[in-house]
Amino acid sequence: TFAPQGNRVFADLTVMENLEIGGY
């Protein structure tokens, strides 16, 4: 897995939705 620099999160989504993207 890769956590890139810069835009670290999907800003318009909730924390949970960001984590759900990781689990897709």
PDB file of all heavy atoms in Angstrom:
ATOM      1  N   THR A   1       0.841  -1.194   0.000  1.00  0.00           N
ATOM      2  CA  THR A   1       0.000   0.000   0.000  1.00  0.00           C
ATOM      3  C   THR A   1       0.878   1.248   0.000  1.00  0.00           C
ATOM      4  O   THR A   1       2.030   1.211   0.423  1.00  0.00           O
ATOM      5  CB  THR A   1      -0.968   0.049   1.195  1.00  0.00           C
ATOM      6  OG1 THR A   1      -0.233   0.000   2.418  1.00  0.00           O
ATOM      7  CG2 THR A   1      -1.951  -1.108   1.136  1.00  0.00           C
ATOM      8  N   PHE A   2       0.305   2.359  -0.463  1.00  0.00           N
ATOM      9  CA  PHE A   2       1.057   3.584  -0.719  1.00  0.00           C
ATOM     10  C   PHE A   2       0.259   4.772  -0.211  1.00  0.00           C
ATOM     11  O   PHE A   2      -0.904   4.950  -0.583  1.00  0.00           O
ATOM     12  CB  PHE A   2       1.292   3.688  -2.230  1.00  0.00           C
ATOM     13  CG  PHE A   2       2.011   4.937  -2.676  1.00  0.00           C
ATOM     14  CD1 PHE A   2       3.054   5.476  -1.948  1.00  0.00           C
ATOM     15  CD2 PHE A   2       1.634   5.569  -3.858  1.00  0.00           C
ATOM     16  CE1 PHE A   2       3.717   6.617  -2.377  1.00  0.00           C
ATOM     17  CE2 PHE A   2       2.290   6.703  -4.302  1.00  0.00           C
ATOM     18  CZ  PHE A   2       3.337   7.233  -3.550  1.00  0.00           C
ATOM     19  N   ALA A   3       0.869   5.566   0.657  1.00  0.00           N
ATOM     20  CA  ALA A   3       0.267   6.819   1.119  1.00  0.00           C
ATOM     21  C   ALA A   3       1.065   7.956   0.487  1.00  0.00           C
ATOM     22  O   ALA A   3       2.157   8.283   0.951  1.00  0.00           O
ATOM     23  CB  ALA A   3       0.301   6.909   2.639  1.00  0.00           C
ATOM     24  N   PRO A   4       0.538   8.577  -0.573  1.00  0.00           N
ATOM     25  CA  PRO A   4       1.296   9.606  -1.288  1.00  0.00           C
ATOM     26  C   PRO A   4       1.349  10.918  -0.529  1.00  0.00           C
ATOM     27  O   PRO A   4       0.587  11.151   0.413  1.00  0.00           O
ATOM     28  CB  PRO A   4       0.525   9.763  -2.601  1.00  0.00           C
ATOM     29  CG  PRO A   4      -0.873   9.394  -2.245  1.00  0.00           C
ATOM     30  CD  PRO A   4      -0.761   8.318  -1.193  1.00  0.00           C
ATOM     31  N   GLN A   5       2.252  11.783  -0.954  1.00  0.00           N
ATOM     32  CA  GLN A   5       2.349  13.107  -0.353  1.00  0.00           C
ATOM     33  C   GLN A   5       1.249  14.012  -0.902  1.00  0.00           C
ATOM     34  O   GLN A   5       0.575  13.683  -1.859  1.00  0.00           O
ATOM     35  CB  GLN A   5       3.721  13.728  -0.647  1.00  0.00           C
ATOM     36  CG  GLN A   5       3.987  13.989  -2.112  1.00  0.00           C
ATOM     37  CD  GLN A   5       5.263  14.794  -2.338  1.00  0.00           C
ATOM     38  OE1 GLN A   5       5.209  16.011  -2.449  1.00  0.00           O
ATOM     39  NE2 GLN A   5       6.390  14.113  -2.430  1.00  0.00           N
ATOM     40  N   GLY A   6       1.091  15.166  -0.274  1.00  0.00           N
ATOM     41  CA  GLY A   6       0.141  16.156  -0.793  1.00  0.00           C
ATOM     42  C   GLY A   6      -1.269  15.876  -0.328  1.00  0.00           C
ATOM     43  O   GLY A   6      -1.559  15.881   0.860  1.00  0.00           O
ATOM     44  N   ASN A   7      -2.156  15.601  -1.274  1.00  0.00           N
ATOM     45  CA  ASN A   7      -3.577  15.380  -0.946  1.00  0.00           C
ATOM     46  C   ASN A   7      -3.729  14.033  -0.251  1.00  0.00           C
ATOM     47  O   ASN A   7      -3.928  13.015  -0.896  1.00  0.00           O
ATOM     48  CB  ASN A   7      -4.430  15.447  -2.219  1.00  0.00           C
ATOM     49  CG  ASN A   7      -4.384  16.821  -2.851  1.00  0.00           C
ATOM     50  OD1 ASN A   7      -4.301  17.832  -2.158  1.00  0.00           O
ATOM     51  ND2 ASN A   7      -4.422  16.880  -4.171  1.00  0.00           N
ATOM     52  N   ARG A   8      -3.682  14.055   1.051  1.00  0.00           N
ATOM     53  CA  ARG A   8      -3.629  12.804   1.813  1.00  0.00           C
ATOM     54  C   ARG A   8      -5.000  12.161   1.977  1.00  0.00           C
ATOM     55  O   ARG A   8      -5.096  10.970   2.187  1.00  0.00           O
ATOM     56  CB  ARG A   8      -3.027  13.075   3.196  1.00  0.00           C
ATOM     57  CG  ARG A   8      -1.676  13.755   3.158  1.00  0.00           C
ATOM     58  CD  ARG A   8      -1.137  13.917   4.569  1.00  0.00           C
ATOM     59  NE  ARG A   8       0.128  14.631   4.583  1.00  0.00           N
ATOM     60  CZ  ARG A   8       0.265  15.912   4.850  1.00  0.00           C
ATOM     61  NH1 ARG A   8      -0.800  16.634   5.128  1.00  0.00           N
ATOM     62  NH2 ARG A   8       1.447  16.482   4.853  1.00  0.00           N
ATOM     63  N   VAL A   9      -6.067  12.957   1.958  1.00  0.00           N
ATOM     64  CA  VAL A   9      -7.401  12.429   2.209  1.00  0.00           C
ATOM     65  C   VAL A   9      -8.366  12.928   1.139  1.00  0.00           C
ATOM     66  O   VAL A   9      -8.086  13.875   0.411  1.00  0.00           O
ATOM     67  CB  VAL A   9      -7.921  12.864   3.601  1.00  0.00           C
ATOM     68  CG1 VAL A   9      -7.010  12.330   4.696  1.00  0.00           C
ATOM     69  CG2 VAL A   9      -8.045  14.378   3.690  1.00  0.00           C
ATOM     70  N   PHE A  10      -9.524  12.258   1.069  1.00  0.00           N
ATOM     71  CA  PHE A  10     -10.625  12.756   0.243  1.00  0.00           C
ATOM     72  C   PHE A  10     -11.379  13.756   1.111  1.00  0.00           C
ATOM     73  O   PHE A  10     -12.162  13.377   1.984  1.00  0.00           O
ATOM     74  CB  PHE A  10     -11.511  11.608  -0.212  1.00  0.00           C
ATOM     75  CG  PHE A  10     -10.796  10.634  -1.109  1.00  0.00           C
ATOM     76  CD1 PHE A  10     -10.239   9.472  -0.591  1.00  0.00           C
ATOM     77  CD2 PHE A  10     -10.655  10.889  -2.470  1.00  0.00           C
ATOM     78  CE1 PHE A  10      -9.576   8.577  -1.414  1.00  0.00           C
ATOM     79  CE2 PHE A  10      -9.989  10.009  -3.293  1.00  0.00           C
ATOM     80  CZ  PHE A  10      -9.441   8.844  -2.770  1.00  0.00           C
ATOM     81  N   ALA A  11     -11.127  15.040   0.859  1.00  0.00           N
ATOM     82  CA  ALA A  11     -11.538  16.094   1.791  1.00  0.00           C
ATOM     83  C   ALA A  11     -13.049  16.184   1.967  1.00  0.00           C
ATOM     84  O   ALA A  11     -13.529  16.544   3.045  1.00  0.00           O
ATOM     85  CB  ALA A  11     -10.986  17.436   1.319  1.00  0.00           C
ATOM     86  N   ASP A  12     -13.828  15.880   0.935  1.00  0.00           N
ATOM     87  CA  ASP A  12     -15.278  16.025   1.013  1.00  0.00           C
ATOM     88  C   ASP A  12     -15.970  14.803   1.615  1.00  0.00           C
ATOM     89  O   ASP A  12     -17.187  14.827   1.834  1.00  0.00           O
ATOM     90  CB  ASP A  12     -15.851  16.301  -0.377  1.00  0.00           C
ATOM     91  CG  ASP A  12     -15.396  17.641  -0.934  1.00  0.00           C
ATOM     92  OD1 ASP A  12     -15.099  18.536  -0.122  1.00  0.00           O
ATOM     93  OD2 ASP A  12     -15.322  17.793  -2.168  1.00  0.00           O
ATOM     94  N   LEU A  13     -15.224  13.754   1.866  1.00  0.00           N
ATOM     95  CA  LEU A  13     -15.795  12.546   2.452  1.00  0.00           C
ATOM     96  C   LEU A  13     -15.516  12.511   3.950  1.00  0.00           C
ATOM     97  O   LEU A  13     -14.591  13.151   4.440  1.00  0.00           O
ATOM     98  CB  LEU A  13     -15.199  11.294   1.788  1.00  0.00           C
ATOM     99  CG  LEU A  13     -15.384  11.170   0.274  1.00  0.00           C
ATOM    100  CD1 LEU A  13     -14.778   9.869  -0.223  1.00  0.00           C
ATOM    101  CD2 LEU A  13     -16.854  11.255  -0.121  1.00  0.00           C
ATOM    102  N   THR A  14     -16.293  11.740   4.670  1.00  0.00           N
ATOM    103  CA  THR A  14     -16.063  11.600   6.099  1.00  0.00           C
ATOM    104  C   THR A  14     -14.829  10.721   6.345  1.00  0.00           C
ATOM    105  O   THR A  14     -14.330  10.044   5.436  1.00  0.00           O
ATOM    106  CB  THR A  14     -17.270  10.958   6.796  1.00  0.00           C
ATOM    107  OG1 THR A  14     -17.413   9.607   6.324  1.00  0.00           O
ATOM    108  CG2 THR A  14     -18.545  11.739   6.525  1.00  0.00           C
ATOM    109  N   VAL A  15     -14.390  10.731   7.590  1.00  0.00           N
ATOM    110  CA  VAL A  15     -13.279   9.862   7.973  1.00  0.00           C
ATOM    111  C   VAL A  15     -13.623   8.405   7.677  1.00  0.00           C
ATOM    112  O   VAL A  15     -12.822   7.660   7.105  1.00  0.00           O
ATOM    113  CB  VAL A  15     -12.938  10.056   9.460  1.00  0.00           C
ATOM    114  CG1 VAL A  15     -11.971   8.982   9.946  1.00  0.00           C
ATOM    115  CG2 VAL A  15     -12.356  11.439   9.702  1.00  0.00           C
ATOM    116  N   MET A  16     -14.826   7.982   8.042  1.00  0.00           N
ATOM    117  CA  MET A  16     -15.234   6.600   7.801  1.00  0.00           C
ATOM    118  C   MET A  16     -15.252   6.283   6.308  1.00  0.00           C
ATOM    119  O   MET A  16     -14.811   5.200   5.884  1.00  0.00           O
ATOM    120  CB  MET A  16     -16.604   6.331   8.424  1.00  0.00           C
ATOM    121  CG  MET A  16     -17.111   4.904   8.202  1.00  0.00           C
ATOM    122  SD  MET A  16     -15.981   3.633   8.855  1.00  0.00           S
ATOM    123  CE  MET A  16     -16.248   3.833  10.621  1.00  0.00           C
ATOM    124  N   GLU A  17     -15.759   7.188   5.506  1.00  0.00           N
ATOM    125  CA  GLU A  17     -15.793   6.945   4.059  1.00  0.00           C
ATOM    126  C   GLU A  17     -14.385   6.835   3.484  1.00  0.00           C
ATOM    127  O   GLU A  17     -14.142   6.033   2.578  1.00  0.00           O
ATOM    128  CB  GLU A  17     -16.581   8.056   3.372  1.00  0.00           C
ATOM    129  CG  GLU A  17     -18.078   7.970   3.630  1.00  0.00           C
ATOM    130  CD  GLU A  17     -18.826   9.225   3.202  1.00  0.00           C
ATOM    131  OE1 GLU A  17     -18.189  10.310   3.090  1.00  0.00           O
ATOM    132  OE2 GLU A  17     -20.050   9.141   2.996  1.00  0.00           O
ATOM    133  N   ASN A  18     -13.452   7.626   3.999  1.00  0.00           N
ATOM    134  CA  ASN A  18     -12.056   7.490   3.580  1.00  0.00           C
ATOM    135  C   ASN A  18     -11.529   6.100   3.902  1.00  0.00           C
ATOM    136  O   ASN A  18     -10.842   5.482   3.069  1.00  0.00           O
ATOM    137  CB  ASN A  18     -11.194   8.544   4.273  1.00  0.00           C
ATOM    138  CG  ASN A  18     -11.085   9.839   3.500  1.00  0.00           C
ATOM    139  OD1 ASN A  18     -10.174  10.031   2.696  1.00  0.00           O
ATOM    140  ND2 ASN A  18     -12.035  10.753   3.715  1.00  0.00           N
ATOM    141  N   LEU A  19     -11.838   5.612   5.089  1.00  0.00           N
ATOM    142  CA  LEU A  19     -11.361   4.288   5.479  1.00  0.00           C
ATOM    143  C   LEU A  19     -12.038   3.194   4.659  1.00  0.00           C
ATOM    144  O   LEU A  19     -11.410   2.179   4.319  1.00  0.00           O
ATOM    145  CB  LEU A  19     -11.606   4.061   6.970  1.00  0.00           C
ATOM    146  CG  LEU A  19     -10.891   5.033   7.911  1.00  0.00           C
ATOM    147  CD1 LEU A  19     -11.201   4.685   9.363  1.00  0.00           C
ATOM    148  CD2 LEU A  19      -9.392   5.048   7.672  1.00  0.00           C
ATOM    149  N   GLU A  20     -13.299   3.396   4.331  1.00  0.00           N
ATOM    150  CA  GLU A  20     -14.007   2.403   3.517  1.00  0.00           C
ATOM    151  C   GLU A  20     -13.398   2.296   2.129  1.00  0.00           C
ATOM    152  O   GLU A  20     -13.388   1.211   1.526  1.00  0.00           O
ATOM    153  CB  GLU A  20     -15.488   2.770   3.432  1.00  0.00           C
ATOM    154  CG  GLU A  20     -16.236   2.536   4.737  1.00  0.00           C
ATOM    155  CD  GLU A  20     -17.654   3.087   4.729  1.00  0.00           C
ATOM    156  OE1 GLU A  20     -17.968   3.888   3.810  1.00  0.00           O
ATOM    157  OE2 GLU A  20     -18.435   2.739   5.630  1.00  0.00           O
ATOM    158  N   ILE A  21     -12.874   3.399   1.614  1.00  0.00           N
ATOM    159  CA  ILE A  21     -12.186   3.344   0.320  1.00  0.00           C
ATOM    160  C   ILE A  21     -10.963   2.433   0.422  1.00  0.00           C
ATOM    161  O   ILE A  21     -10.656   1.659  -0.497  1.00  0.00           O
ATOM    162  CB  ILE A  21     -11.786   4.761  -0.140  1.00  0.00           C
ATOM    163  CG1 ILE A  21     -13.041   5.522  -0.566  1.00  0.00           C
ATOM    164  CG2 ILE A  21     -10.760   4.717  -1.282  1.00  0.00           C
ATOM    165  CD1 ILE A  21     -12.798   6.975  -0.890  1.00  0.00           C
ATOM    166  N   GLY A  22     -10.249   2.506   1.559  1.00  0.00           N
ATOM    167  CA  GLY A  22      -9.119   1.608   1.757  1.00  0.00           C
ATOM    168  C   GLY A  22      -9.519   0.146   1.774  1.00  0.00           C
ATOM    169  O   GLY A  22      -8.727  -0.725   1.408  1.00  0.00           O
ATOM    170  N   GLY A  23     -10.753  -0.126   2.173  1.00  0.00           N
ATOM    171  CA  GLY A  23     -11.207  -1.508   2.263  1.00  0.00           C
ATOM    172  C   GLY A  23     -11.998  -2.001   1.079  1.00  0.00           C
ATOM    173  O   GLY A  23     -12.530  -3.117   1.116  1.00  0.00           O
ATOM    174  N   TYR A  24     -12.038  -1.224   0.000  1.00  0.00           N
ATOM    175  CA  TYR A  24     -12.898  -1.624  -1.130  1.00  0.00           C
ATOM    176  C   TYR A  24     -12.524  -2.963  -1.752  1.00  0.00           C
ATOM    177  O   TYR A  24     -13.412  -3.682  -2.245  1.00  0.00           O
ATOM    178  CB  TYR A  24     -12.918  -0.530  -2.207  1.00  0.00           C
ATOM    179  CG  TYR A  24     -11.793  -0.590  -3.206  1.00  0.00           C
ATOM    180  CD1 TYR A  24     -11.917  -1.309  -4.392  1.00  0.00           C
ATOM    181  CD2 TYR A  24     -10.584   0.059  -2.962  1.00  0.00           C
ATOM    182  CE1 TYR A  24     -10.865  -1.385  -5.293  1.00  0.00           C
ATOM    183  CE2 TYR A  24      -9.546  -0.012  -3.853  1.00  0.00           C
ATOM    184  CZ  TYR A  24      -9.684  -0.733  -5.025  1.00  0.00           C
ATOM    185  OH  TYR A  24      -8.649  -0.810  -5.910  1.00  0.00           O
TER     186      TYR A  24
END
